């Protein structure tokens, strides 16, 4: 197994995203997973009926795209040559997406309401950003 393979990076990201999607769905019904849930990462945050709808929406969106990353995108990337322009573009999109989320997650971790569990998101986002950068 080549750890620098872009299809592997994308598939691994999809698997990690599935855990967050599950967390969003459970959180909508006030089931809080330790470390992953918003309530664990920001204990003083008050969740209301609008949060319920938002969490379901975030869970559905994350689940949809995670499914693509697990079952569709890696198979497609494997059909492309390593140096192809489309594969380079896919890598750029993956990296830029994570750089934007690195900024957002860093801001959220710096909030006064953040608990040490919020640093898990930092580890995940920065990890996938650097893994995406070194992938081929």
N, C-alpha and C. Protein backbone atom coordinates (compact mmCIF):
# COMPACT_ATOMS: atom_id res chain seq x y z
N UNK A 1 0.84 -1.18 0.00
CA UNK A 1 0.00 0.00 0.00
C UNK A 1 0.89 1.24 0.00
N UNK A 2 0.61 2.13 -0.94
CA UNK A 2 1.38 3.37 -1.07
C UNK A 2 0.70 4.46 -0.25
N UNK A 3 1.32 4.89 0.83
CA UNK A 3 0.71 5.90 1.71
C UNK A 3 0.65 7.28 1.07
N UNK A 4 1.38 7.49 -0.03
CA UNK A 4 1.34 8.78 -0.72
C UNK A 4 0.34 8.78 -1.88
N UNK A 5 -0.48 7.76 -1.96
CA UNK A 5 -1.46 7.65 -3.04
C UNK A 5 -2.64 8.58 -2.77
N UNK A 6 -2.93 9.45 -3.73
CA UNK A 6 -4.06 10.37 -3.60
C UNK A 6 -5.39 9.64 -3.39
N UNK A 7 -5.66 8.54 -4.12
CA UNK A 7 -6.91 7.82 -3.85
C UNK A 7 -7.02 7.33 -2.40
N UNK A 8 -5.91 6.90 -1.82
CA UNK A 8 -5.91 6.45 -0.42
C UNK A 8 -6.20 7.62 0.52
N UNK A 9 -5.62 8.77 0.24
CA UNK A 9 -5.85 9.97 1.06
C UNK A 9 -7.33 10.34 1.02
N UNK A 10 -7.89 10.36 -0.18
CA UNK A 10 -9.30 10.74 -0.33
C UNK A 10 -10.21 9.73 0.37
N UNK A 11 -9.93 8.44 0.20
CA UNK A 11 -10.75 7.40 0.85
C UNK A 11 -10.65 7.50 2.37
N UNK A 12 -9.46 7.72 2.89
CA UNK A 12 -9.27 7.86 4.34
C UNK A 12 -10.01 9.08 4.87
N UNK A 13 -9.98 10.15 4.10
CA UNK A 13 -10.72 11.36 4.49
C UNK A 13 -12.21 11.07 4.53
N UNK A 14 -12.71 10.31 3.58
CA UNK A 14 -14.12 9.94 3.58
C UNK A 14 -14.51 9.14 4.80
N UNK A 15 -13.65 8.22 5.20
CA UNK A 15 -13.92 7.40 6.40
C UNK A 15 -13.95 8.28 7.64
N UNK A 16 -13.01 9.21 7.75
CA UNK A 16 -13.00 10.13 8.89
C UNK A 16 -14.24 11.02 8.86
N UNK A 17 -14.64 11.46 7.68
CA UNK A 17 -15.83 12.31 7.55
C UNK A 17 -17.09 11.55 7.96
N UNK A 18 -17.13 10.25 7.72
CA UNK A 18 -18.28 9.44 8.15
C UNK A 18 -18.45 9.50 9.67
N UNK A 19 -17.35 9.50 10.41
CA UNK A 19 -17.43 9.59 11.87
C UNK A 19 -18.03 10.93 12.28
N UNK A 20 -17.64 12.00 11.60
CA UNK A 20 -18.19 13.31 11.92
C UNK A 20 -19.66 13.39 11.50
N UNK A 21 -20.04 12.77 10.40
CA UNK A 21 -21.44 12.76 9.97
C UNK A 21 -22.30 12.05 11.01
N UNK A 22 -21.83 10.91 11.50
CA UNK A 22 -22.54 10.19 12.55
C UNK A 22 -22.68 11.06 13.79
N UNK A 23 -21.62 11.76 14.12
CA UNK A 23 -21.64 12.64 15.28
C UNK A 23 -22.70 13.74 15.12
N UNK A 24 -22.81 14.32 13.92
CA UNK A 24 -23.81 15.37 13.67
C UNK A 24 -25.23 14.82 13.85
N UNK A 25 -25.50 13.63 13.30
CA UNK A 25 -26.84 13.05 13.42
C UNK A 25 -27.18 12.74 14.88
N UNK A 26 -26.24 12.15 15.59
CA UNK A 26 -26.48 11.84 17.01
C UNK A 26 -26.65 13.11 17.83
N UNK A 27 -25.85 14.11 17.54
CA UNK A 27 -25.93 15.38 18.27
C UNK A 27 -27.28 16.05 18.07
N UNK A 28 -27.88 15.91 16.90
CA UNK A 28 -29.20 16.49 16.64
C UNK A 28 -30.23 15.92 17.61
N UNK A 29 -30.04 14.67 18.03
CA UNK A 29 -30.95 14.03 18.97
C UNK A 29 -30.40 14.01 20.39
N UNK A 30 -29.47 14.92 20.66
CA UNK A 30 -28.88 15.14 21.98
C UNK A 30 -28.13 13.93 22.52
N UNK A 31 -27.53 13.18 21.62
CA UNK A 31 -26.62 12.10 22.01
C UNK A 31 -25.22 12.61 21.68
N UNK A 32 -24.43 12.83 22.70
CA UNK A 32 -23.14 13.48 22.53
C UNK A 32 -22.00 12.47 22.66
N UNK A 33 -21.25 12.30 21.58
CA UNK A 33 -20.08 11.42 21.62
C UNK A 33 -18.93 12.15 22.29
N UNK A 34 -18.23 11.48 23.19
CA UNK A 34 -17.08 12.14 23.80
C UNK A 34 -16.03 12.46 22.73
N UNK A 35 -15.44 13.60 22.83
CA UNK A 35 -14.39 14.11 21.95
C UNK A 35 -14.88 14.61 20.59
N UNK A 36 -15.81 13.93 19.92
CA UNK A 36 -16.22 14.33 18.58
C UNK A 36 -17.36 15.33 18.53
N UNK A 37 -18.25 15.28 19.48
CA UNK A 37 -19.46 16.10 19.39
C UNK A 37 -19.16 17.59 19.66
N UNK A 38 -20.05 18.41 19.13
CA UNK A 38 -19.92 19.86 19.34
C UNK A 38 -20.02 20.18 20.82
N UNK A 39 -20.89 19.47 21.52
CA UNK A 39 -21.08 19.71 22.97
C UNK A 39 -19.81 19.35 23.75
N UNK A 40 -19.10 18.33 23.31
CA UNK A 40 -17.85 17.96 23.98
C UNK A 40 -16.76 18.98 23.70
N UNK A 41 -16.78 19.57 22.51
CA UNK A 41 -15.73 20.51 22.14
C UNK A 41 -16.03 21.93 22.59
N UNK A 42 -17.31 22.26 22.73
CA UNK A 42 -17.73 23.60 23.19
C UNK A 42 -18.86 23.42 24.21
N UNK A 43 -18.52 23.07 25.46
CA UNK A 43 -19.53 22.72 26.46
C UNK A 43 -20.54 23.82 26.77
N UNK A 44 -20.18 25.07 26.64
CA UNK A 44 -21.10 26.14 27.00
C UNK A 44 -22.07 26.50 25.87
N UNK A 45 -21.94 25.86 24.73
CA UNK A 45 -22.79 26.15 23.58
C UNK A 45 -24.20 25.63 23.84
N UNK A 46 -25.19 26.48 23.59
CA UNK A 46 -26.60 26.11 23.78
C UNK A 46 -27.17 25.68 22.43
N UNK A 47 -27.66 24.44 22.36
CA UNK A 47 -28.25 23.93 21.12
C UNK A 47 -29.77 24.04 21.22
N UNK A 48 -30.41 24.62 20.20
CA UNK A 48 -31.86 24.80 20.19
C UNK A 48 -32.46 24.11 18.98
N UNK A 49 -33.75 24.43 18.66
CA UNK A 49 -34.41 23.76 17.52
C UNK A 49 -33.76 24.12 16.18
N UNK A 50 -33.13 25.28 16.08
CA UNK A 50 -32.43 25.63 14.85
C UNK A 50 -31.16 24.80 14.70
N UNK A 51 -30.53 24.50 15.82
CA UNK A 51 -29.34 23.65 15.78
C UNK A 51 -29.72 22.24 15.31
N UNK A 52 -30.91 21.77 15.69
CA UNK A 52 -31.37 20.45 15.26
C UNK A 52 -31.40 20.37 13.73
N UNK A 53 -32.01 21.35 13.10
CA UNK A 53 -32.09 21.38 11.64
C UNK A 53 -30.71 21.52 11.02
N UNK A 54 -29.88 22.40 11.58
CA UNK A 54 -28.53 22.60 11.07
C UNK A 54 -27.67 21.34 11.19
N UNK A 55 -27.80 20.64 12.31
CA UNK A 55 -27.03 19.42 12.51
C UNK A 55 -27.47 18.32 11.54
N UNK A 56 -28.77 18.21 11.29
CA UNK A 56 -29.24 17.23 10.31
C UNK A 56 -28.74 17.58 8.91
N UNK A 57 -28.78 18.86 8.58
CA UNK A 57 -28.29 19.31 7.27
C UNK A 57 -26.79 19.04 7.14
N UNK A 58 -26.03 19.39 8.17
CA UNK A 58 -24.58 19.15 8.14
C UNK A 58 -24.28 17.65 8.07
N UNK A 59 -25.03 16.87 8.81
CA UNK A 59 -24.84 15.42 8.77
C UNK A 59 -25.13 14.83 7.40
N UNK A 60 -26.23 15.29 6.77
CA UNK A 60 -26.60 14.78 5.45
C UNK A 60 -25.57 15.19 4.40
N UNK A 61 -25.12 16.43 4.45
CA UNK A 61 -24.11 16.90 3.50
C UNK A 61 -22.79 16.17 3.67
N UNK A 62 -22.37 16.00 4.91
CA UNK A 62 -21.11 15.31 5.19
C UNK A 62 -21.21 13.84 4.78
N UNK A 63 -22.33 13.21 5.08
CA UNK A 63 -22.53 11.81 4.72
C UNK A 63 -22.51 11.62 3.20
N UNK A 64 -23.15 12.53 2.49
CA UNK A 64 -23.19 12.44 1.03
C UNK A 64 -21.79 12.54 0.44
N UNK A 65 -21.06 13.57 0.82
CA UNK A 65 -19.75 13.75 0.23
C UNK A 65 -18.78 12.68 0.71
N UNK A 66 -18.91 12.23 1.97
CA UNK A 66 -18.05 11.15 2.46
C UNK A 66 -18.28 9.87 1.65
N UNK A 67 -19.52 9.63 1.27
CA UNK A 67 -19.82 8.45 0.44
C UNK A 67 -19.11 8.55 -0.91
N UNK A 68 -19.13 9.73 -1.50
CA UNK A 68 -18.40 9.93 -2.76
C UNK A 68 -16.91 9.67 -2.55
N UNK A 69 -16.37 10.17 -1.44
CA UNK A 69 -14.93 10.02 -1.19
C UNK A 69 -14.54 8.57 -0.92
N UNK A 70 -15.44 7.79 -0.42
CA UNK A 70 -15.12 6.38 -0.14
C UNK A 70 -15.34 5.50 -1.36
N UNK A 71 -16.46 5.68 -2.04
CA UNK A 71 -16.86 4.72 -3.06
C UNK A 71 -16.65 5.16 -4.51
N UNK A 72 -16.60 6.45 -4.80
CA UNK A 72 -16.57 6.90 -6.18
C UNK A 72 -15.25 7.57 -6.57
N UNK A 73 -14.85 8.59 -5.85
CA UNK A 73 -13.69 9.40 -6.25
C UNK A 73 -12.39 8.59 -6.29
N UNK A 74 -12.08 7.75 -5.29
CA UNK A 74 -10.82 6.99 -5.37
C UNK A 74 -10.75 6.07 -6.60
N UNK A 75 -11.87 5.44 -6.95
CA UNK A 75 -11.86 4.57 -8.14
C UNK A 75 -11.60 5.38 -9.40
N UNK A 76 -12.19 6.57 -9.46
CA UNK A 76 -11.98 7.42 -10.62
C UNK A 76 -10.53 7.91 -10.68
N UNK A 77 -9.97 8.31 -9.53
CA UNK A 77 -8.58 8.80 -9.50
C UNK A 77 -7.59 7.71 -9.90
N UNK A 78 -7.90 6.45 -9.57
CA UNK A 78 -7.01 5.35 -9.94
C UNK A 78 -6.94 5.14 -11.45
N UNK A 79 -7.96 5.58 -12.17
CA UNK A 79 -7.95 5.42 -13.63
C UNK A 79 -7.09 6.48 -14.31
N UNK A 80 -6.73 7.52 -13.58
CA UNK A 80 -5.94 8.61 -14.16
C UNK A 80 -4.46 8.39 -13.90
N UNK A 81 -3.63 8.85 -14.83
CA UNK A 81 -2.19 8.78 -14.62
C UNK A 81 -1.78 9.74 -13.52
N UNK A 82 -0.70 9.43 -12.83
CA UNK A 82 -0.26 10.24 -11.70
C UNK A 82 0.04 11.68 -12.11
N UNK A 83 0.60 11.90 -13.24
CA UNK A 83 0.95 13.26 -13.65
C UNK A 83 -0.13 13.99 -14.43
N UNK A 84 -1.32 13.40 -14.55
CA UNK A 84 -2.36 14.01 -15.38
C UNK A 84 -2.85 15.33 -14.77
N UNK A 85 -3.31 16.21 -15.64
CA UNK A 85 -3.75 17.53 -15.18
C UNK A 85 -5.00 17.42 -14.31
N UNK A 86 -5.89 16.48 -14.62
CA UNK A 86 -7.11 16.35 -13.82
C UNK A 86 -6.79 15.86 -12.41
N UNK A 87 -5.83 14.94 -12.31
CA UNK A 87 -5.44 14.44 -11.00
C UNK A 87 -4.76 15.55 -10.18
N UNK A 88 -3.94 16.36 -10.85
CA UNK A 88 -3.32 17.50 -10.16
C UNK A 88 -4.38 18.49 -9.70
N UNK A 89 -5.40 18.70 -10.52
CA UNK A 89 -6.49 19.61 -10.15
C UNK A 89 -7.27 19.06 -8.95
N UNK A 90 -7.51 17.76 -8.93
CA UNK A 90 -8.21 17.14 -7.80
C UNK A 90 -7.40 17.30 -6.52
N UNK A 91 -6.10 17.13 -6.62
CA UNK A 91 -5.23 17.31 -5.45
C UNK A 91 -5.26 18.76 -4.99
N UNK A 92 -5.26 19.71 -5.92
CA UNK A 92 -5.32 21.13 -5.55
C UNK A 92 -6.63 21.48 -4.85
N UNK A 93 -7.73 20.96 -5.36
CA UNK A 93 -9.03 21.21 -4.75
C UNK A 93 -9.06 20.63 -3.34
N UNK A 94 -8.57 19.40 -3.18
CA UNK A 94 -8.52 18.75 -1.88
C UNK A 94 -7.70 19.58 -0.89
N UNK A 95 -6.55 20.06 -1.33
CA UNK A 95 -5.66 20.82 -0.46
C UNK A 95 -6.24 22.19 -0.11
N UNK A 96 -6.77 22.90 -1.09
CA UNK A 96 -7.35 24.22 -0.84
C UNK A 96 -8.54 24.12 0.11
N UNK A 97 -9.38 23.11 -0.10
CA UNK A 97 -10.52 22.87 0.79
C UNK A 97 -10.04 22.73 2.24
N UNK A 98 -8.98 21.96 2.43
CA UNK A 98 -8.49 21.74 3.79
C UNK A 98 -7.80 22.96 4.38
N UNK A 99 -7.14 23.74 3.55
CA UNK A 99 -6.52 24.97 4.06
C UNK A 99 -7.59 25.91 4.59
N UNK A 100 -8.69 26.05 3.85
CA UNK A 100 -9.81 26.90 4.30
C UNK A 100 -10.36 26.38 5.62
N UNK A 101 -10.57 25.07 5.71
CA UNK A 101 -11.09 24.50 6.96
C UNK A 101 -10.08 24.57 8.10
N UNK A 102 -8.80 24.53 7.79
CA UNK A 102 -7.78 24.70 8.84
C UNK A 102 -7.94 26.07 9.50
N UNK A 103 -8.18 27.09 8.69
CA UNK A 103 -8.39 28.44 9.22
C UNK A 103 -9.64 28.47 10.09
N UNK A 104 -10.74 27.89 9.60
CA UNK A 104 -11.99 27.90 10.36
C UNK A 104 -11.86 27.13 11.67
N UNK A 105 -11.25 25.97 11.62
CA UNK A 105 -11.11 25.14 12.82
C UNK A 105 -10.18 25.81 13.83
N UNK A 106 -9.14 26.46 13.35
CA UNK A 106 -8.22 27.17 14.25
C UNK A 106 -8.96 28.29 14.98
N UNK A 107 -9.80 29.01 14.27
CA UNK A 107 -10.60 30.08 14.90
C UNK A 107 -11.53 29.49 15.95
N UNK A 108 -12.19 28.36 15.64
CA UNK A 108 -13.10 27.74 16.59
C UNK A 108 -12.38 27.23 17.84
N UNK A 109 -11.18 26.73 17.67
CA UNK A 109 -10.41 26.24 18.82
C UNK A 109 -9.98 27.40 19.73
N UNK A 110 -9.79 28.56 19.13
CA UNK A 110 -9.36 29.72 19.92
C UNK A 110 -10.50 30.41 20.66
N UNK A 111 -11.74 29.98 20.43
CA UNK A 111 -12.87 30.56 21.17
C UNK A 111 -12.76 30.24 22.66
N UNK A 112 -13.21 31.15 23.50
CA UNK A 112 -13.12 30.89 24.95
C UNK A 112 -13.92 29.67 25.39
N UNK A 113 -14.96 29.31 24.64
CA UNK A 113 -15.80 28.17 25.04
C UNK A 113 -15.20 26.82 24.66
N UNK A 114 -14.10 26.81 23.92
CA UNK A 114 -13.53 25.55 23.42
C UNK A 114 -12.87 24.76 24.54
N UNK A 115 -13.09 23.46 24.51
CA UNK A 115 -12.43 22.56 25.46
C UNK A 115 -11.22 21.95 24.76
N UNK A 116 -10.37 21.26 25.51
CA UNK A 116 -9.22 20.61 24.87
C UNK A 116 -9.62 19.59 23.79
N UNK A 117 -10.84 19.06 23.86
CA UNK A 117 -11.30 18.10 22.84
C UNK A 117 -11.38 18.74 21.46
N UNK A 118 -11.51 20.06 21.41
CA UNK A 118 -11.60 20.75 20.12
C UNK A 118 -10.31 20.63 19.32
N UNK A 119 -9.22 20.33 19.97
CA UNK A 119 -7.95 20.18 19.26
C UNK A 119 -7.93 18.95 18.36
N UNK A 120 -8.88 18.03 18.54
CA UNK A 120 -8.97 16.87 17.65
C UNK A 120 -9.21 17.34 16.22
N UNK A 121 -10.07 18.36 16.07
CA UNK A 121 -10.34 18.89 14.73
C UNK A 121 -9.09 19.49 14.10
N UNK A 122 -8.26 20.12 14.92
CA UNK A 122 -6.99 20.68 14.43
C UNK A 122 -6.12 19.55 13.88
N UNK A 123 -5.99 18.50 14.66
CA UNK A 123 -5.17 17.36 14.25
C UNK A 123 -5.69 16.75 12.95
N UNK A 124 -7.01 16.57 12.85
CA UNK A 124 -7.60 15.95 11.66
C UNK A 124 -7.41 16.85 10.44
N UNK A 125 -7.77 18.12 10.55
CA UNK A 125 -7.70 19.02 9.39
C UNK A 125 -6.27 19.26 8.92
N UNK A 126 -5.38 19.57 9.85
CA UNK A 126 -4.00 19.81 9.45
C UNK A 126 -3.35 18.52 8.94
N UNK A 127 -3.71 17.39 9.54
CA UNK A 127 -3.18 16.11 9.09
C UNK A 127 -3.56 15.80 7.65
N UNK A 128 -4.84 15.96 7.34
CA UNK A 128 -5.28 15.70 5.96
C UNK A 128 -4.73 16.74 4.99
N UNK A 129 -4.53 17.96 5.45
CA UNK A 129 -3.94 18.98 4.57
C UNK A 129 -2.52 18.58 4.17
N UNK A 130 -1.71 18.23 5.16
CA UNK A 130 -0.32 17.86 4.85
C UNK A 130 -0.24 16.53 4.09
N UNK A 131 -1.12 15.58 4.43
CA UNK A 131 -1.14 14.31 3.72
C UNK A 131 -1.54 14.55 2.26
N UNK A 132 -2.50 15.42 2.04
CA UNK A 132 -2.90 15.77 0.67
C UNK A 132 -1.78 16.44 -0.10
N UNK A 133 -1.02 17.29 0.58
CA UNK A 133 0.09 17.99 -0.08
C UNK A 133 1.18 17.03 -0.56
N UNK A 134 1.46 16.00 0.21
CA UNK A 134 2.55 15.08 -0.17
C UNK A 134 2.07 13.93 -1.05
N UNK A 135 0.77 13.83 -1.26
CA UNK A 135 0.24 12.71 -2.06
C UNK A 135 0.52 12.90 -3.55
N UNK A 136 0.41 11.79 -4.28
CA UNK A 136 0.63 11.81 -5.74
C UNK A 136 -0.53 11.14 -6.43
